[in-house]
N, C-alpha and C. Protein backbone atom coordinates (compact mmCIF):
# COMPACT_ATOMS: atom_id res chain seq x y z
N MET A 1 -55.92 -61.74 -50.20
CA MET A 1 -55.08 -60.05 -50.31
C MET A 1 -56.39 -58.85 -49.66
N ASP A 2 -55.45 -58.66 -48.74
CA ASP A 2 -56.59 -57.27 -47.81
C ASP A 2 -57.52 -56.08 -49.24
N THR A 3 -58.22 -56.28 -48.68
CA THR A 3 -58.96 -55.32 -49.63
C THR A 3 -59.06 -53.61 -49.06
N PRO A 4 -59.44 -53.20 -50.22
CA PRO A 4 -58.53 -51.83 -49.07
C PRO A 4 -60.03 -51.54 -48.17
N ALA A 5 -61.17 -51.61 -47.65
CA ALA A 5 -61.79 -51.74 -46.45
C ALA A 5 -60.69 -52.37 -45.35
N SER A 6 -60.42 -53.25 -45.50
CA SER A 6 -60.02 -54.59 -44.79
C SER A 6 -58.83 -53.71 -44.26
N THR A 7 -57.77 -53.33 -45.39
CA THR A 7 -56.86 -52.64 -44.88
C THR A 7 -56.94 -51.62 -43.80
N SER A 8 -57.78 -50.77 -44.35
CA SER A 8 -58.52 -49.52 -43.76
C SER A 8 -58.83 -50.46 -41.51
N THR A 9 -59.60 -50.97 -41.81
CA THR A 9 -59.81 -51.26 -40.28
C THR A 9 -58.54 -51.72 -39.62
N ARG A 10 -57.65 -52.22 -40.72
CA ARG A 10 -56.64 -53.10 -39.64
C ARG A 10 -55.80 -51.86 -39.38
N GLN A 11 -55.67 -50.68 -40.03
CA GLN A 11 -55.07 -49.35 -39.77
C GLN A 11 -55.51 -48.61 -38.64
N GLN A 12 -56.87 -48.86 -38.79
CA GLN A 12 -57.24 -47.76 -37.63
C GLN A 12 -57.28 -48.89 -36.14
N LEU A 13 -57.27 -49.94 -35.98
CA LEU A 13 -56.91 -51.19 -35.27
C LEU A 13 -55.56 -50.71 -34.89
N LEU A 14 -54.59 -50.92 -35.30
CA LEU A 14 -53.56 -50.18 -35.23
C LEU A 14 -52.57 -48.91 -34.60
N ASP A 15 -53.66 -48.10 -35.54
CA ASP A 15 -53.12 -46.82 -35.40
C ASP A 15 -53.56 -46.35 -33.64
N TYR A 16 -54.79 -46.83 -33.54
CA TYR A 16 -55.36 -46.69 -31.77
C TYR A 16 -54.74 -47.43 -31.06
N ALA A 17 -54.44 -48.92 -31.61
CA ALA A 17 -53.34 -49.29 -30.37
C ALA A 17 -51.54 -48.50 -30.12
N GLN A 18 -51.46 -48.26 -30.96
CA GLN A 18 -50.38 -47.39 -30.65
C GLN A 18 -50.62 -46.20 -29.99
N THR A 19 -51.97 -45.46 -29.66
CA THR A 19 -52.24 -44.65 -29.13
C THR A 19 -52.39 -44.39 -27.66
N LEU A 20 -53.55 -46.10 -27.70
CA LEU A 20 -53.71 -47.01 -26.05
C LEU A 20 -52.44 -47.35 -25.24
N ILE A 21 -51.19 -47.98 -25.57
CA ILE A 21 -50.47 -48.04 -25.84
C ILE A 21 -49.51 -47.14 -25.00
N ARG A 22 -49.31 -45.88 -25.81
CA ARG A 22 -48.25 -44.65 -25.09
C ARG A 22 -49.16 -44.23 -23.99
N THR A 23 -50.31 -44.25 -24.05
CA THR A 23 -51.32 -43.27 -22.66
C THR A 23 -51.65 -44.78 -21.54
N ARG A 24 -51.59 -45.77 -22.12
CA ARG A 24 -51.52 -46.95 -20.42
C ARG A 24 -50.95 -47.80 -20.60
N GLY A 25 -49.75 -48.06 -21.68
CA GLY A 25 -49.08 -48.80 -21.52
C GLY A 25 -49.98 -50.39 -21.82
N SER A 26 -48.99 -51.29 -22.45
CA SER A 26 -49.34 -53.08 -23.02
C SER A 26 -49.96 -53.77 -22.32
N ASN A 27 -50.36 -53.53 -20.68
CA ASN A 27 -51.19 -54.02 -20.55
C ASN A 27 -52.49 -53.34 -19.78
N GLY A 28 -52.39 -51.92 -20.11
CA GLY A 28 -53.55 -51.34 -20.02
C GLY A 28 -55.02 -51.39 -20.75
N PHE A 29 -54.84 -52.48 -21.38
CA PHE A 29 -56.10 -51.99 -22.76
C PHE A 29 -56.58 -53.50 -23.76
N SER A 30 -57.32 -53.48 -23.46
CA SER A 30 -57.51 -55.25 -23.88
C SER A 30 -58.33 -54.74 -25.66
N TYR A 31 -58.28 -55.87 -26.15
CA TYR A 31 -59.24 -55.95 -27.39
C TYR A 31 -60.48 -55.82 -27.31
N ARG A 32 -60.86 -55.83 -26.65
CA ARG A 32 -62.73 -54.81 -26.71
C ARG A 32 -62.63 -53.24 -26.68
N ASP A 33 -61.34 -52.62 -26.46
CA ASP A 33 -61.36 -51.70 -26.14
C ASP A 33 -61.16 -50.76 -28.03
N LEU A 34 -60.40 -52.06 -27.95
CA LEU A 34 -60.09 -51.00 -29.90
C LEU A 34 -60.97 -51.36 -30.52
N ALA A 35 -62.05 -52.79 -29.66
CA ALA A 35 -63.04 -53.25 -30.86
C ALA A 35 -64.46 -51.92 -30.91
N GLU A 36 -64.50 -51.69 -29.86
CA GLU A 36 -65.23 -50.26 -29.26
C GLU A 36 -64.99 -48.91 -30.15
N HIS A 37 -64.12 -49.25 -30.19
CA HIS A 37 -63.53 -47.41 -30.67
C HIS A 37 -63.40 -47.80 -32.39
N VAL A 38 -62.91 -48.94 -32.96
CA VAL A 38 -63.02 -49.01 -34.56
C VAL A 38 -64.03 -49.07 -34.76
N GLY A 39 -65.75 -50.39 -34.03
CA GLY A 39 -66.47 -50.81 -34.26
C GLY A 39 -66.38 -51.80 -35.21
N VAL A 40 -65.54 -52.69 -34.35
CA VAL A 40 -65.88 -54.33 -35.27
C VAL A 40 -65.85 -54.78 -33.88
N LYS A 41 -65.98 -56.42 -34.28
CA LYS A 41 -66.24 -57.30 -33.04
C LYS A 41 -64.80 -57.55 -32.76
N THR A 42 -64.30 -58.25 -31.60
CA THR A 42 -63.50 -58.44 -30.95
C THR A 42 -62.94 -59.82 -32.37
N SER A 43 -63.72 -60.60 -32.34
CA SER A 43 -63.45 -61.84 -33.39
C SER A 43 -62.53 -60.75 -34.42
N SER A 44 -62.92 -59.71 -35.14
CA SER A 44 -62.39 -59.00 -36.28
C SER A 44 -60.82 -58.82 -35.81
N ILE A 45 -60.99 -58.61 -34.54
CA ILE A 45 -59.66 -57.73 -34.54
C ILE A 45 -58.68 -59.17 -34.38
N HIS A 46 -58.97 -60.51 -34.06
CA HIS A 46 -57.84 -61.66 -33.81
C HIS A 46 -57.43 -62.44 -35.21
N TYR A 47 -58.76 -61.49 -36.19
CA TYR A 47 -58.12 -62.10 -37.59
C TYR A 47 -56.90 -61.41 -38.11
N TYR A 48 -57.06 -59.89 -37.71
CA TYR A 48 -55.53 -59.14 -38.31
C TYR A 48 -54.38 -59.39 -37.39
N PHE A 49 -54.86 -59.52 -36.15
CA PHE A 49 -53.55 -59.97 -34.67
C PHE A 49 -53.91 -61.07 -34.04
N PRO A 50 -54.09 -61.63 -34.03
CA PRO A 50 -53.91 -63.03 -33.78
C PRO A 50 -54.46 -63.44 -32.06
N CYS A 51 -52.79 -62.40 -31.98
CA CYS A 51 -52.66 -62.42 -29.93
C CYS A 51 -52.38 -61.77 -30.06
N LYS A 52 -52.07 -60.71 -28.39
CA LYS A 52 -52.19 -59.38 -28.51
C LYS A 52 -50.22 -59.29 -28.79
N ASP A 53 -49.21 -60.62 -28.50
CA ASP A 53 -48.61 -60.23 -28.45
C ASP A 53 -48.03 -59.77 -30.26
N ASP A 54 -48.70 -60.50 -31.28
CA ASP A 54 -48.88 -59.61 -32.60
C ASP A 54 -49.39 -58.36 -32.53
N LEU A 55 -50.19 -57.71 -32.05
CA LEU A 55 -50.35 -56.68 -31.99
C LEU A 55 -49.27 -55.75 -31.54
N LEU A 56 -48.81 -56.30 -30.55
CA LEU A 56 -47.84 -54.87 -30.13
C LEU A 56 -47.20 -55.34 -31.25
N TYR A 57 -46.48 -56.82 -31.25
CA TYR A 57 -44.72 -56.28 -32.25
C TYR A 57 -45.41 -55.17 -33.55
N GLU A 58 -46.40 -55.36 -33.92
CA GLU A 58 -46.85 -54.30 -34.84
C GLU A 58 -46.91 -52.67 -35.01
N ALA A 59 -47.83 -52.20 -33.69
CA ALA A 59 -47.29 -51.40 -33.32
C ALA A 59 -45.54 -50.64 -33.16
N VAL A 60 -45.04 -51.21 -32.62
CA VAL A 60 -43.67 -50.85 -32.69
C VAL A 60 -43.07 -50.69 -33.92
N GLU A 61 -43.11 -51.02 -34.79
CA GLU A 61 -42.53 -51.62 -35.92
C GLU A 61 -42.97 -50.73 -36.37
N ALA A 62 -44.55 -50.50 -36.45
CA ALA A 62 -44.81 -49.20 -37.28
C ALA A 62 -44.86 -47.79 -36.74
N TYR A 63 -44.73 -47.75 -35.73
CA TYR A 63 -43.77 -46.91 -34.51
C TYR A 63 -42.64 -46.09 -34.75
N SER A 64 -41.93 -47.26 -34.65
CA SER A 64 -40.25 -47.23 -34.97
C SER A 64 -39.87 -46.66 -36.76
N ALA A 65 -40.65 -47.41 -38.04
CA ALA A 65 -40.92 -46.48 -39.05
C ALA A 65 -40.81 -45.18 -38.91
N ARG A 66 -41.90 -44.63 -38.66
CA ARG A 66 -42.42 -43.73 -38.78
C ARG A 66 -42.04 -42.37 -37.74
N ALA A 67 -41.27 -42.60 -36.41
CA ALA A 67 -40.78 -42.08 -35.82
C ALA A 67 -39.08 -41.83 -36.45
N LEU A 68 -38.66 -42.99 -36.88
CA LEU A 68 -37.28 -42.96 -37.29
C LEU A 68 -36.98 -42.11 -38.77
N GLN A 69 -38.11 -42.03 -39.51
CA GLN A 69 -37.67 -41.51 -40.88
C GLN A 69 -37.92 -40.35 -40.93
N ALA A 70 -39.09 -39.27 -39.72
CA ALA A 70 -38.51 -38.36 -39.69
C ALA A 70 -37.66 -38.12 -38.95
N VAL A 71 -36.68 -38.41 -38.67
CA VAL A 71 -34.85 -38.46 -37.69
C VAL A 71 -34.27 -38.68 -38.95
N ARG A 72 -34.90 -39.38 -39.93
CA ARG A 72 -33.84 -39.33 -41.05
C ARG A 72 -34.25 -38.17 -41.71
N ASP A 73 -35.14 -37.34 -41.49
CA ASP A 73 -35.73 -36.54 -43.03
C ASP A 73 -34.41 -35.01 -42.58
N ILE A 74 -34.74 -35.21 -41.19
CA ILE A 74 -33.25 -33.73 -41.02
C ILE A 74 -32.23 -33.80 -41.96
N ASP A 75 -31.81 -32.80 -42.69
CA ASP A 75 -31.28 -32.78 -43.38
C ASP A 75 -29.82 -32.87 -42.82
N THR A 76 -29.13 -33.86 -43.84
CA THR A 76 -27.55 -34.47 -42.56
C THR A 76 -26.85 -32.91 -43.83
N ALA A 77 -27.05 -32.23 -44.80
CA ALA A 77 -26.19 -30.91 -45.19
C ALA A 77 -25.84 -29.83 -43.81
N LEU A 78 -27.00 -29.74 -43.02
CA LEU A 78 -26.57 -29.46 -41.82
C LEU A 78 -26.32 -29.23 -40.66
N PRO A 79 -24.85 -28.23 -40.14
CA PRO A 79 -24.39 -28.39 -39.40
C PRO A 79 -24.41 -29.48 -38.45
N ALA A 80 -23.83 -30.09 -37.71
CA ALA A 80 -24.27 -31.29 -36.65
C ALA A 80 -24.86 -30.17 -35.33
N ARG A 81 -24.40 -29.44 -35.25
CA ARG A 81 -25.18 -28.74 -33.93
C ARG A 81 -26.66 -28.60 -34.05
N GLU A 82 -26.59 -28.09 -35.55
CA GLU A 82 -28.05 -27.34 -35.84
C GLU A 82 -28.86 -28.98 -35.72
N GLN A 83 -28.40 -30.50 -36.68
CA GLN A 83 -29.48 -31.60 -36.74
C GLN A 83 -29.55 -32.00 -35.17
N LEU A 84 -28.32 -31.81 -34.40
CA LEU A 84 -28.98 -31.83 -33.04
C LEU A 84 -30.21 -31.28 -32.37
N HIS A 85 -30.08 -29.87 -32.63
CA HIS A 85 -31.60 -29.07 -32.01
C HIS A 85 -31.96 -29.28 -32.89
N ALA A 86 -31.87 -29.81 -33.73
CA ALA A 86 -33.57 -30.36 -34.75
C ALA A 86 -34.68 -31.25 -34.25
N TYR A 87 -33.36 -32.23 -33.78
CA TYR A 87 -33.82 -33.49 -33.32
C TYR A 87 -34.58 -33.49 -31.93
N LEU A 88 -33.79 -32.82 -31.64
CA LEU A 88 -34.75 -32.58 -29.71
C LEU A 88 -35.40 -31.86 -30.49
N SER A 89 -35.59 -30.81 -31.03
CA SER A 89 -37.10 -30.06 -31.21
C SER A 89 -38.17 -30.84 -32.08
N LEU A 90 -37.74 -32.26 -32.91
CA LEU A 90 -38.78 -33.21 -32.86
C LEU A 90 -38.84 -34.19 -31.73
N MET A 91 -38.65 -34.82 -30.99
CA MET A 91 -38.52 -35.27 -29.74
C MET A 91 -39.37 -34.20 -29.83
N GLU A 92 -39.51 -32.91 -28.96
CA GLU A 92 -40.95 -32.61 -28.03
C GLU A 92 -41.60 -32.20 -28.65
N SER A 93 -42.25 -32.42 -30.09
CA SER A 93 -42.70 -31.72 -31.11
C SER A 93 -43.36 -32.89 -31.03
N HIS A 94 -43.33 -34.20 -31.15
CA HIS A 94 -43.75 -34.85 -31.67
C HIS A 94 -43.83 -37.07 -31.06
N ALA A 95 -42.67 -36.54 -30.34
CA ALA A 95 -42.86 -37.92 -29.77
C ALA A 95 -43.80 -38.23 -28.45
N CYS A 96 -43.80 -36.77 -28.07
CA CYS A 96 -44.93 -36.52 -26.77
C CYS A 96 -46.08 -35.48 -27.30
N ALA A 97 -46.59 -36.49 -28.00
CA ALA A 97 -47.91 -35.59 -28.60
C ALA A 97 -48.99 -34.74 -27.34
N SER A 98 -49.06 -34.98 -26.01
CA SER A 98 -49.82 -34.35 -25.58
C SER A 98 -49.25 -34.93 -23.84
N ASN A 99 -49.71 -34.02 -22.87
CA ASN A 99 -49.39 -34.51 -21.47
C ASN A 99 -49.38 -35.86 -21.05
N GLN A 100 -50.67 -36.32 -22.22
CA GLN A 100 -50.54 -37.57 -21.71
C GLN A 100 -50.62 -38.49 -22.56
N GLU A 101 -50.21 -38.66 -23.44
CA GLU A 101 -48.82 -39.44 -24.12
C GLU A 101 -46.89 -39.47 -23.85
N MET A 102 -46.73 -40.82 -23.54
CA MET A 102 -45.18 -41.04 -23.82
C MET A 102 -44.92 -41.53 -24.78
N CYS A 103 -43.85 -41.47 -25.28
CA CYS A 103 -42.57 -41.85 -26.39
C CYS A 103 -43.38 -43.26 -26.30
N LEU A 104 -44.01 -43.73 -27.50
CA LEU A 104 -43.88 -45.96 -27.65
C LEU A 104 -43.32 -46.49 -27.01
N GLY A 105 -41.95 -46.02 -27.15
CA GLY A 105 -40.93 -46.55 -26.93
C GLY A 105 -40.45 -46.69 -25.06
N GLY A 106 -40.22 -45.91 -25.20
CA GLY A 106 -40.36 -45.38 -23.52
C GLY A 106 -41.38 -45.80 -22.34
N MET A 107 -42.31 -45.60 -22.76
CA MET A 107 -43.51 -46.71 -22.75
C MET A 107 -43.58 -48.13 -22.44
N LEU A 108 -43.06 -48.10 -23.48
CA LEU A 108 -42.63 -50.15 -23.63
C LEU A 108 -41.56 -50.50 -22.27
N ALA A 109 -40.43 -49.93 -23.00
CA ALA A 109 -39.05 -50.14 -22.42
C ALA A 109 -39.67 -50.20 -20.52
N ALA A 110 -40.28 -49.35 -19.99
CA ALA A 110 -41.00 -49.77 -17.90
C ALA A 110 -41.44 -51.41 -18.65
N GLU A 111 -41.78 -51.74 -18.99
CA GLU A 111 -42.96 -53.01 -18.85
C GLU A 111 -42.09 -54.08 -19.76
N VAL A 112 -40.93 -54.21 -20.35
CA VAL A 112 -39.87 -54.97 -21.12
C VAL A 112 -40.31 -56.23 -20.25
N GLY A 113 -40.24 -56.42 -18.91
CA GLY A 113 -40.63 -57.55 -18.36
C GLY A 113 -41.34 -58.74 -18.27
N SER A 114 -42.67 -57.56 -19.52
CA SER A 114 -43.61 -58.70 -19.57
C SER A 114 -44.11 -58.57 -21.43
N LEU A 115 -43.08 -58.47 -21.88
CA LEU A 115 -43.32 -58.16 -22.87
C LEU A 115 -42.67 -59.33 -24.21
N PRO A 116 -42.84 -60.41 -24.79
CA PRO A 116 -42.73 -61.17 -25.54
C PRO A 116 -41.27 -61.13 -25.92
N GLU A 117 -40.08 -61.59 -26.50
CA GLU A 117 -38.70 -61.61 -26.99
C GLU A 117 -39.01 -61.10 -27.79
N ARG A 118 -39.96 -61.16 -28.64
CA ARG A 118 -39.97 -60.53 -30.36
C ARG A 118 -39.88 -59.22 -30.11
N VAL A 119 -41.01 -59.05 -29.07
CA VAL A 119 -41.72 -57.32 -29.45
C VAL A 119 -40.12 -56.72 -28.23
N ARG A 120 -39.56 -57.33 -27.56
CA ARG A 120 -38.69 -56.69 -26.93
C ARG A 120 -37.54 -56.21 -27.47
N GLY A 121 -37.26 -57.42 -29.08
CA GLY A 121 -35.58 -56.88 -29.71
C GLY A 121 -36.64 -56.20 -31.03
N ALA A 122 -37.58 -56.01 -31.39
CA ALA A 122 -38.18 -54.75 -31.66
C ALA A 122 -37.81 -52.88 -31.61
N LEU A 123 -38.20 -53.39 -29.91
CA LEU A 123 -38.11 -51.94 -28.59
C LEU A 123 -36.58 -51.91 -29.17
N GLN A 124 -35.63 -52.57 -28.66
CA GLN A 124 -34.16 -52.26 -28.63
C GLN A 124 -33.90 -52.32 -30.00
N GLY A 125 -34.44 -52.24 -30.75
CA GLY A 125 -34.15 -51.81 -32.34
C GLY A 125 -34.36 -50.57 -32.58
N PHE A 126 -35.38 -49.87 -31.90
CA PHE A 126 -35.99 -48.37 -32.13
C PHE A 126 -34.94 -47.93 -31.37
N PHE A 127 -34.28 -48.08 -30.19
CA PHE A 127 -33.39 -47.88 -29.25
C PHE A 127 -32.31 -47.19 -29.76
N ARG A 128 -31.78 -48.33 -29.90
CA ARG A 128 -30.58 -48.37 -31.02
C ARG A 128 -30.27 -47.92 -32.08
N ALA A 129 -31.53 -47.69 -33.31
CA ALA A 129 -31.44 -46.70 -34.14
C ALA A 129 -31.41 -45.58 -33.76
N HIS A 130 -32.33 -45.12 -32.47
CA HIS A 130 -32.28 -43.44 -32.73
C HIS A 130 -30.50 -43.32 -32.09
N GLU A 131 -30.24 -44.26 -31.02
CA GLU A 131 -28.54 -43.42 -30.28
C GLU A 131 -27.59 -44.18 -31.40
N ALA A 132 -28.06 -44.93 -32.51
CA ALA A 132 -26.50 -44.48 -34.02
C ALA A 132 -26.62 -43.24 -34.94
N TRP A 133 -27.92 -43.02 -34.94
CA TRP A 133 -27.56 -41.56 -35.16
C TRP A 133 -27.16 -40.39 -34.60
N ILE A 134 -27.75 -40.65 -33.33
CA ILE A 134 -27.21 -39.87 -32.21
C ILE A 134 -25.67 -39.57 -32.27
N ALA A 135 -24.88 -40.86 -31.72
CA ALA A 135 -23.76 -41.02 -32.47
C ALA A 135 -23.35 -40.39 -33.53
N ARG A 136 -23.34 -40.76 -34.66
CA ARG A 136 -23.02 -39.85 -35.74
C ARG A 136 -23.11 -38.11 -35.89
N VAL A 137 -24.27 -37.60 -35.68
CA VAL A 137 -24.39 -36.80 -35.18
C VAL A 137 -22.84 -35.98 -34.28
N LEU A 138 -23.22 -36.50 -32.90
CA LEU A 138 -21.91 -36.46 -32.02
C LEU A 138 -20.64 -36.42 -32.40
N GLU A 139 -20.52 -37.74 -32.91
CA GLU A 139 -19.52 -37.28 -34.14
C GLU A 139 -18.99 -36.51 -35.08
N ALA A 140 -19.41 -36.16 -35.61
CA ALA A 140 -19.31 -34.49 -36.26
C ALA A 140 -19.46 -33.80 -35.75
N GLY A 141 -20.17 -33.42 -34.69
CA GLY A 141 -19.53 -32.35 -34.07
C GLY A 141 -18.66 -32.09 -33.46
N ALA A 142 -17.65 -33.04 -32.48
CA ALA A 142 -16.72 -33.12 -32.53
C ALA A 142 -16.15 -32.26 -33.55
N THR A 143 -15.50 -33.47 -34.55
CA THR A 143 -14.61 -33.08 -35.68
C THR A 143 -15.12 -31.04 -35.79
N GLN A 144 -16.64 -30.70 -36.00
CA GLN A 144 -16.70 -29.77 -36.54
C GLN A 144 -16.06 -28.54 -35.34
N GLY A 145 -16.04 -29.00 -33.75
CA GLY A 145 -15.37 -28.46 -32.96
C GLY A 145 -16.71 -27.90 -32.43
N THR A 146 -18.16 -28.26 -32.41
CA THR A 146 -19.60 -27.25 -31.89
C THR A 146 -19.71 -28.12 -31.26
N LEU A 147 -19.53 -29.87 -31.04
CA LEU A 147 -20.28 -30.33 -29.61
C LEU A 147 -19.20 -31.04 -29.10
N LYS A 148 -19.01 -31.24 -27.88
CA LYS A 148 -18.61 -31.92 -27.16
C LYS A 148 -18.86 -32.35 -25.17
N PHE A 149 -18.30 -33.71 -25.48
CA PHE A 149 -18.90 -34.55 -24.71
C PHE A 149 -17.70 -35.58 -23.99
N ASN A 150 -18.09 -36.28 -22.97
CA ASN A 150 -17.57 -37.15 -22.42
C ASN A 150 -17.57 -38.27 -23.27
N GLY A 151 -16.52 -38.75 -23.15
CA GLY A 151 -16.37 -40.44 -23.48
C GLY A 151 -16.64 -40.52 -24.57
N THR A 152 -16.97 -42.16 -25.56
CA THR A 152 -16.94 -41.80 -26.67
C THR A 152 -18.57 -41.47 -27.08
N PRO A 153 -18.44 -41.49 -28.89
CA PRO A 153 -19.73 -40.69 -29.71
C PRO A 153 -21.12 -41.79 -29.22
N GLU A 154 -20.63 -42.85 -29.24
CA GLU A 154 -21.70 -44.37 -28.69
C GLU A 154 -22.14 -43.86 -27.60
N SER A 155 -20.97 -44.09 -26.29
CA SER A 155 -21.91 -43.71 -25.56
C SER A 155 -22.60 -42.85 -24.77
N ALA A 156 -21.93 -41.66 -24.80
CA ALA A 156 -22.70 -40.50 -25.26
C ALA A 156 -23.99 -40.39 -25.30
N ALA A 157 -24.19 -40.81 -27.21
CA ALA A 157 -25.27 -41.13 -27.35
C ALA A 157 -26.61 -41.97 -26.71
N ARG A 158 -25.95 -42.99 -26.11
CA ARG A 158 -26.41 -43.55 -25.13
C ARG A 158 -27.05 -42.43 -23.90
N ALA A 159 -26.42 -42.21 -23.77
CA ALA A 159 -26.68 -41.12 -22.02
C ALA A 159 -28.11 -39.95 -22.88
N VAL A 160 -27.34 -39.47 -23.77
CA VAL A 160 -28.57 -38.24 -24.23
C VAL A 160 -29.98 -39.42 -25.17
N PHE A 161 -30.12 -40.70 -25.46
CA PHE A 161 -31.16 -40.84 -26.18
C PHE A 161 -31.87 -41.40 -24.65
N ALA A 162 -31.27 -41.59 -23.43
CA ALA A 162 -31.77 -42.10 -21.75
C ALA A 162 -32.43 -40.96 -21.63
N THR A 163 -31.59 -39.44 -21.54
CA THR A 163 -31.95 -38.50 -21.03
C THR A 163 -33.72 -38.06 -21.54
N ILE A 164 -33.33 -38.49 -23.07
CA ILE A 164 -34.37 -37.82 -23.67
C ILE A 164 -35.68 -38.29 -23.46
N GLN A 165 -35.46 -39.83 -23.18
CA GLN A 165 -36.86 -40.73 -21.98
C GLN A 165 -37.23 -39.98 -21.27
N GLY A 166 -36.20 -39.79 -20.24
CA GLY A 166 -36.90 -39.22 -18.98
C GLY A 166 -37.24 -38.43 -18.44
N CYS A 167 -36.78 -36.88 -19.76
CA CYS A 167 -37.45 -35.88 -19.49
C CYS A 167 -38.91 -36.01 -19.81
N LEU A 168 -39.02 -37.04 -21.08
CA LEU A 168 -40.69 -37.02 -21.49
C LEU A 168 -41.45 -37.32 -20.31
N LEU A 169 -41.25 -38.29 -19.66
CA LEU A 169 -41.47 -39.24 -18.53
C LEU A 169 -41.98 -38.34 -17.77
N VAL A 170 -41.37 -37.00 -17.24
CA VAL A 170 -41.27 -36.39 -16.04
C VAL A 170 -41.79 -35.61 -16.13
N SER A 171 -41.72 -34.76 -17.92
CA SER A 171 -42.90 -33.77 -18.45
C SER A 171 -44.12 -34.08 -18.45
N ARG A 172 -44.11 -35.42 -18.51
CA ARG A 172 -45.98 -36.04 -18.24
C ARG A 172 -46.53 -35.80 -16.78
N LEU A 173 -45.27 -36.05 -15.99
CA LEU A 173 -45.52 -36.04 -14.12
C LEU A 173 -45.94 -34.81 -14.25
N PHE A 174 -45.32 -33.58 -14.30
CA PHE A 174 -45.56 -32.62 -14.13
C PHE A 174 -46.17 -31.72 -15.31
N GLU A 175 -46.44 -32.27 -16.33
CA GLU A 175 -47.45 -31.73 -17.39
C GLU A 175 -46.91 -30.50 -17.52
N ALA A 176 -45.37 -30.78 -17.82
CA ALA A 176 -45.14 -29.27 -18.16
C ALA A 176 -44.28 -29.61 -20.32
N PRO A 177 -43.49 -28.60 -20.40
CA PRO A 177 -43.14 -29.15 -21.92
C PRO A 177 -41.51 -29.56 -21.14
N PRO A 178 -41.04 -30.55 -22.23
CA PRO A 178 -40.09 -31.28 -21.61
C PRO A 178 -38.23 -30.68 -21.77
N ARG A 179 -38.38 -29.51 -22.37
CA ARG A 179 -37.22 -29.46 -22.34
C ARG A 179 -36.30 -29.60 -22.59
N LEU A 180 -36.17 -30.55 -23.54
CA LEU A 180 -34.88 -31.54 -23.90
C LEU A 180 -33.65 -30.94 -24.53
N CYS A 181 -33.81 -29.63 -24.83
CA CYS A 181 -32.18 -28.62 -25.33
C CYS A 181 -31.46 -28.17 -24.80
N GLU A 182 -32.79 -28.34 -23.03
CA GLU A 182 -31.93 -27.28 -21.86
C GLU A 182 -31.42 -28.00 -20.95
N ALA A 183 -31.94 -29.40 -20.67
CA ALA A 183 -31.43 -30.74 -20.45
C ALA A 183 -30.12 -31.13 -20.81
N ILE A 184 -30.37 -31.69 -22.30
CA ILE A 184 -29.15 -31.98 -23.38
C ILE A 184 -27.90 -30.91 -23.43
N SER A 185 -28.12 -30.47 -23.07
CA SER A 185 -27.10 -28.94 -23.16
C SER A 185 -26.03 -28.71 -21.44
N ALA A 186 -27.24 -28.62 -20.91
CA ALA A 186 -26.63 -28.79 -19.39
C ALA A 186 -25.93 -29.89 -18.73
N ILE A 187 -25.97 -30.94 -19.36
CA ILE A 187 -25.65 -32.61 -18.59
C ILE A 187 -24.68 -32.93 -19.59
N TYR A 188 -25.26 -33.21 -20.78
CA TYR A 188 -24.61 -34.11 -21.97
C TYR A 188 -23.24 -33.54 -22.65
N VAL A 189 -23.97 -32.71 -23.27
CA VAL A 189 -23.37 -32.06 -24.09
C VAL A 189 -23.48 -30.54 -24.42
N GLN A 190 -22.16 -29.83 -24.29
CA GLN A 190 -21.85 -28.74 -24.13
C GLN A 190 -21.68 -28.35 -26.26
N SER A 191 -23.02 -27.76 -26.66
CA SER A 191 -22.72 -26.96 -27.82
C SER A 191 -22.86 -25.86 -27.64
N GLN A 192 -21.61 -25.74 -29.04
CA GLN A 192 -20.81 -23.95 -29.36
C GLN A 192 -21.31 -23.78 -30.48
N PRO A 193 -21.12 -22.20 -31.03
CA PRO A 193 -20.88 -22.44 -32.15
C PRO A 193 -19.54 -22.21 -32.43
N ALA A 194 -19.09 -22.63 -34.15
CA ALA A 194 -17.44 -23.21 -33.91
C ALA A 194 -16.85 -21.82 -33.86
N GLY A 195 -16.19 -21.79 -33.27
CA GLY A 195 -14.71 -20.68 -32.90
C GLY A 195 -15.69 -19.90 -31.81
N GLY A 196 -16.73 -20.25 -31.74
CA GLY A 196 -17.73 -19.09 -30.67
C GLY A 196 -17.54 -19.51 -29.27
N THR A 197 -18.52 -18.75 -28.44
CA THR A 197 -18.41 -19.41 -26.48
C THR A 197 -19.46 -20.55 -26.75
N PRO A 198 -19.86 -21.22 -26.01
CA PRO A 198 -20.61 -22.46 -26.02
C PRO A 198 -21.45 -21.52 -25.09
N ALA A 199 -23.03 -22.26 -26.27
CA ALA A 199 -24.39 -21.76 -26.06
C ALA A 199 -25.35 -22.84 -25.97
N GLY A 200 -26.89 -23.22 -25.48
CA GLY A 200 -27.29 -24.14 -24.67
C GLY A 200 -28.67 -24.75 -25.99
């Protein structure tokens, strides 16, 4: 059983691994980088994460759990249009903490060819959970008459989440805010107050 000290070391390693993945990708860092930052020997890292595949899997799971909890905390009593805007604002403020950090999911998706199957599965689960949440909100918005889109809620949700990931990537390139609300409203989702005129 882990002691408080060992748990703290494990968490430090996991937290910094997520930062490195978001800034460099999965192939852009080594256990030596982790060891130097946390102040342990590389052999100690192997105690917690026997191989890098184990570390990547745990990093995806930890990041996914934290990100999805933040999404689930959005008040479901809000009108669908407001839930969607709250989600986009959340992604703008947290998914890209700085111009140097990408969403961990988007960064690893670009490297999917080199990822082990277990990590790929966890990453797919992260994407599908976001898409399912967006689809639910889009369907509710269509019923409320405040969100309009082409196709099914599921296909529109996939398009919305893909656009979000693309916006985050481009915002990093140009060192500019993602402007997700603007992009989603302009391309995929027509958002309007009930009984009103279209609004962004």
